[in-house]
Every structure is written in C-alpha cells, then in structure tokens.
Amino acid sequence: MNPLERLLLEEVPVRPDRPVDAHSLWTQQEQDRHWDELAAAVGRTGEKRPSPPAPDVDTEAAA
C-alpha cells in the first residue's frame, strides 16, 4: 500500500451533527451582539444595525 492509499483510508474529520433541538436562525439577541462585535472590530461602535431587506416580490410569488 502506497502513502496515498494509506492517506485515503484515513477518516476525514467532519463537523459534528447539530443537535435536533438547535435552532437554525440566530435570535435577535445573537444578531445584536454579533453586530456590536463587528462594529467594534472596525471602530464604529454605536453604529445602528441595518434592518433586513424587504422580501423580493418575484421570489415570494415563485414560492
């Protein structure tokens, strides 16, 4: 067995499965905290977080 074949037999690490009860979307508090951290990182503390964009009418009609 050559080195490449040995490497291919190794298990590739993957992300663990998410718990069933885990939510997929961030809560409002998580979003606010993330925005505050981003603003602080770029020196814009106190910057108001933008509101999410309005849904696209064409996308909504297609669904």
N, C-alpha and C. Protein backbone atom coordinates (compact mmCIF):
# COMPACT_ATOMS: atom_id res chain seq x y z
N MET A 1 0.86 -1.18 0.00
CA MET A 1 0.00 0.00 0.00
C MET A 1 0.90 1.24 0.00
N ASN A 2 0.63 2.14 -0.93
CA ASN A 2 1.47 3.33 -1.02
C ASN A 2 0.95 4.42 -0.07
N PRO A 3 1.73 5.48 0.15
CA PRO A 3 1.32 6.53 1.09
C PRO A 3 -0.03 7.18 0.74
N LEU A 4 -0.31 7.35 -0.54
CA LEU A 4 -1.58 7.96 -0.93
C LEU A 4 -2.75 7.05 -0.54
N GLU A 5 -2.62 5.78 -0.77
CA GLU A 5 -3.69 4.85 -0.40
C GLU A 5 -3.91 4.84 1.11
N ARG A 6 -2.83 4.90 1.88
CA ARG A 6 -2.97 4.96 3.34
C ARG A 6 -3.70 6.24 3.75
N LEU A 7 -3.34 7.35 3.11
CA LEU A 7 -3.99 8.63 3.42
C LEU A 7 -5.47 8.59 3.10
N LEU A 8 -5.82 8.00 1.97
CA LEU A 8 -7.22 7.93 1.56
C LEU A 8 -8.06 7.06 2.48
N LEU A 9 -7.43 6.14 3.17
CA LEU A 9 -8.16 5.28 4.09
C LEU A 9 -8.43 5.95 5.43
N GLU A 10 -7.72 7.05 5.73
CA GLU A 10 -7.94 7.74 7.00
C GLU A 10 -9.32 8.38 7.00
N GLU A 11 -9.87 8.46 8.19
CA GLU A 11 -11.18 9.10 8.33
C GLU A 11 -11.02 10.61 8.22
N VAL A 12 -11.83 11.21 7.40
CA VAL A 12 -11.80 12.66 7.21
C VAL A 12 -12.65 13.30 8.30
N PRO A 13 -12.08 14.25 9.06
CA PRO A 13 -12.88 14.89 10.10
C PRO A 13 -13.99 15.74 9.49
N VAL A 14 -15.13 15.68 10.08
CA VAL A 14 -16.27 16.47 9.62
C VAL A 14 -16.89 17.17 10.81
N ARG A 15 -17.74 18.15 10.53
CA ARG A 15 -18.45 18.82 11.61
C ARG A 15 -19.38 17.84 12.30
N PRO A 16 -19.51 17.96 13.60
CA PRO A 16 -20.49 17.10 14.27
C PRO A 16 -21.90 17.49 13.85
N ASP A 17 -22.79 16.53 13.89
CA ASP A 17 -24.18 16.82 13.57
C ASP A 17 -24.74 17.80 14.58
N ARG A 18 -25.61 18.69 14.11
CA ARG A 18 -26.26 19.65 15.00
C ARG A 18 -27.29 18.92 15.85
N PRO A 19 -27.40 19.30 17.09
CA PRO A 19 -28.46 18.71 17.91
C PRO A 19 -29.83 19.00 17.29
N VAL A 20 -30.74 18.09 17.47
CA VAL A 20 -32.07 18.22 16.88
C VAL A 20 -32.78 19.48 17.38
N ASP A 21 -32.56 19.83 18.65
CA ASP A 21 -33.26 20.98 19.21
C ASP A 21 -32.57 22.31 18.92
N ALA A 22 -31.45 22.30 18.19
CA ALA A 22 -30.74 23.55 17.88
C ALA A 22 -31.50 24.32 16.82
N HIS A 23 -31.60 25.63 17.02
CA HIS A 23 -32.29 26.45 16.03
C HIS A 23 -31.34 26.79 14.89
N SER A 24 -31.86 27.02 13.72
CA SER A 24 -31.00 27.31 12.58
C SER A 24 -30.81 28.80 12.40
N LEU A 25 -31.71 29.62 12.93
CA LEU A 25 -31.59 31.06 12.79
C LEU A 25 -31.12 31.68 14.09
N TRP A 26 -30.43 32.79 14.00
CA TRP A 26 -29.97 33.48 15.18
C TRP A 26 -31.12 34.21 15.85
N THR A 27 -31.08 34.26 17.15
CA THR A 27 -32.07 35.05 17.87
C THR A 27 -31.74 36.53 17.68
N GLN A 28 -32.68 37.39 18.03
CA GLN A 28 -32.45 38.83 17.92
C GLN A 28 -31.25 39.25 18.78
N GLN A 29 -31.13 38.66 19.97
CA GLN A 29 -30.02 39.00 20.86
C GLN A 29 -28.68 38.57 20.24
N GLU A 30 -28.64 37.40 19.61
CA GLU A 30 -27.41 36.94 18.97
C GLU A 30 -27.04 37.85 17.80
N GLN A 31 -28.04 38.27 17.03
CA GLN A 31 -27.78 39.18 15.92
C GLN A 31 -27.25 40.52 16.42
N ASP A 32 -27.87 41.06 17.47
CA ASP A 32 -27.43 42.35 18.02
C ASP A 32 -26.01 42.25 18.57
N ARG A 33 -25.71 41.18 19.29
CA ARG A 33 -24.38 41.01 19.85
C ARG A 33 -23.34 40.89 18.73
N HIS A 34 -23.67 40.13 17.69
CA HIS A 34 -22.76 39.96 16.56
C HIS A 34 -22.51 41.31 15.87
N TRP A 35 -23.56 42.08 15.67
CA TRP A 35 -23.41 43.39 15.03
C TRP A 35 -22.53 44.29 15.88
N ASP A 36 -22.74 44.30 17.18
CA ASP A 36 -21.93 45.12 18.08
C ASP A 36 -20.46 44.72 18.01
N GLU A 37 -20.20 43.42 17.95
CA GLU A 37 -18.82 42.93 17.86
C GLU A 37 -18.19 43.33 16.52
N LEU A 38 -18.96 43.23 15.44
CA LEU A 38 -18.43 43.64 14.13
C LEU A 38 -18.15 45.14 14.11
N ALA A 39 -19.08 45.93 14.64
CA ALA A 39 -18.90 47.38 14.66
C ALA A 39 -17.67 47.76 15.49
N ALA A 40 -17.48 47.11 16.62
CA ALA A 40 -16.32 47.39 17.46
C ALA A 40 -15.02 47.02 16.74
N ALA A 41 -15.05 45.93 15.98
CA ALA A 41 -13.84 45.46 15.28
C ALA A 41 -13.39 46.45 14.22
N VAL A 42 -14.32 47.20 13.63
CA VAL A 42 -13.95 48.16 12.59
C VAL A 42 -13.98 49.60 13.10
N GLY A 43 -14.11 49.75 14.42
CA GLY A 43 -14.05 51.08 15.01
C GLY A 43 -15.29 51.92 14.83
N ARG A 44 -16.45 51.31 14.70
CA ARG A 44 -17.71 52.04 14.50
C ARG A 44 -18.69 51.71 15.61
N THR A 45 -18.23 51.74 16.86
CA THR A 45 -19.10 51.39 17.98
C THR A 45 -20.30 52.33 18.02
N GLY A 46 -21.42 51.80 18.40
CA GLY A 46 -22.65 52.58 18.48
C GLY A 46 -23.37 52.70 17.15
N GLU A 47 -22.83 52.12 16.11
CA GLU A 47 -23.46 52.17 14.78
C GLU A 47 -24.75 51.36 14.82
N LYS A 48 -25.81 51.94 14.25
CA LYS A 48 -27.10 51.25 14.25
C LYS A 48 -27.08 50.09 13.26
N ARG A 49 -27.61 48.97 13.68
CA ARG A 49 -27.67 47.78 12.82
C ARG A 49 -28.73 48.00 11.75
N PRO A 50 -28.39 47.74 10.48
CA PRO A 50 -29.38 47.93 9.41
C PRO A 50 -30.51 46.92 9.53
N SER A 51 -31.67 47.31 9.08
CA SER A 51 -32.80 46.39 9.10
C SER A 51 -32.66 45.43 7.92
N PRO A 52 -33.22 44.23 8.05
CA PRO A 52 -33.12 43.27 6.95
C PRO A 52 -33.85 43.80 5.71
N PRO A 53 -33.38 43.41 4.54
CA PRO A 53 -34.03 43.88 3.31
C PRO A 53 -35.46 43.33 3.19
N ALA A 54 -36.28 44.08 2.50
CA ALA A 54 -37.65 43.63 2.26
C ALA A 54 -37.60 42.40 1.36
N PRO A 55 -38.55 41.48 1.52
CA PRO A 55 -38.55 40.29 0.65
C PRO A 55 -38.78 40.68 -0.80
N ASP A 56 -38.13 39.96 -1.68
CA ASP A 56 -38.27 40.19 -3.11
C ASP A 56 -39.64 39.67 -3.56
N VAL A 57 -40.41 40.51 -4.20
CA VAL A 57 -41.76 40.15 -4.60
C VAL A 57 -41.74 38.98 -5.58
N ASP A 58 -40.81 39.00 -6.53
CA ASP A 58 -40.74 37.92 -7.51
C ASP A 58 -40.39 36.59 -6.85
N THR A 59 -39.51 36.62 -5.87
CA THR A 59 -39.12 35.40 -5.16
C THR A 59 -40.29 34.85 -4.37
N GLU A 60 -41.04 35.73 -3.73
CA GLU A 60 -42.21 35.31 -2.94
C GLU A 60 -43.27 34.69 -3.84
N ALA A 61 -43.50 35.24 -5.01
CA ALA A 61 -44.51 34.73 -5.92
C ALA A 61 -44.14 33.34 -6.46
N ALA A 62 -42.85 33.13 -6.64
CA ALA A 62 -42.39 31.85 -7.19
C ALA A 62 -42.52 30.72 -6.16
N ALA A 63 -42.51 31.07 -4.89
CA ALA A 63 -42.54 30.03 -3.85
C ALA A 63 -43.89 29.51 -3.60
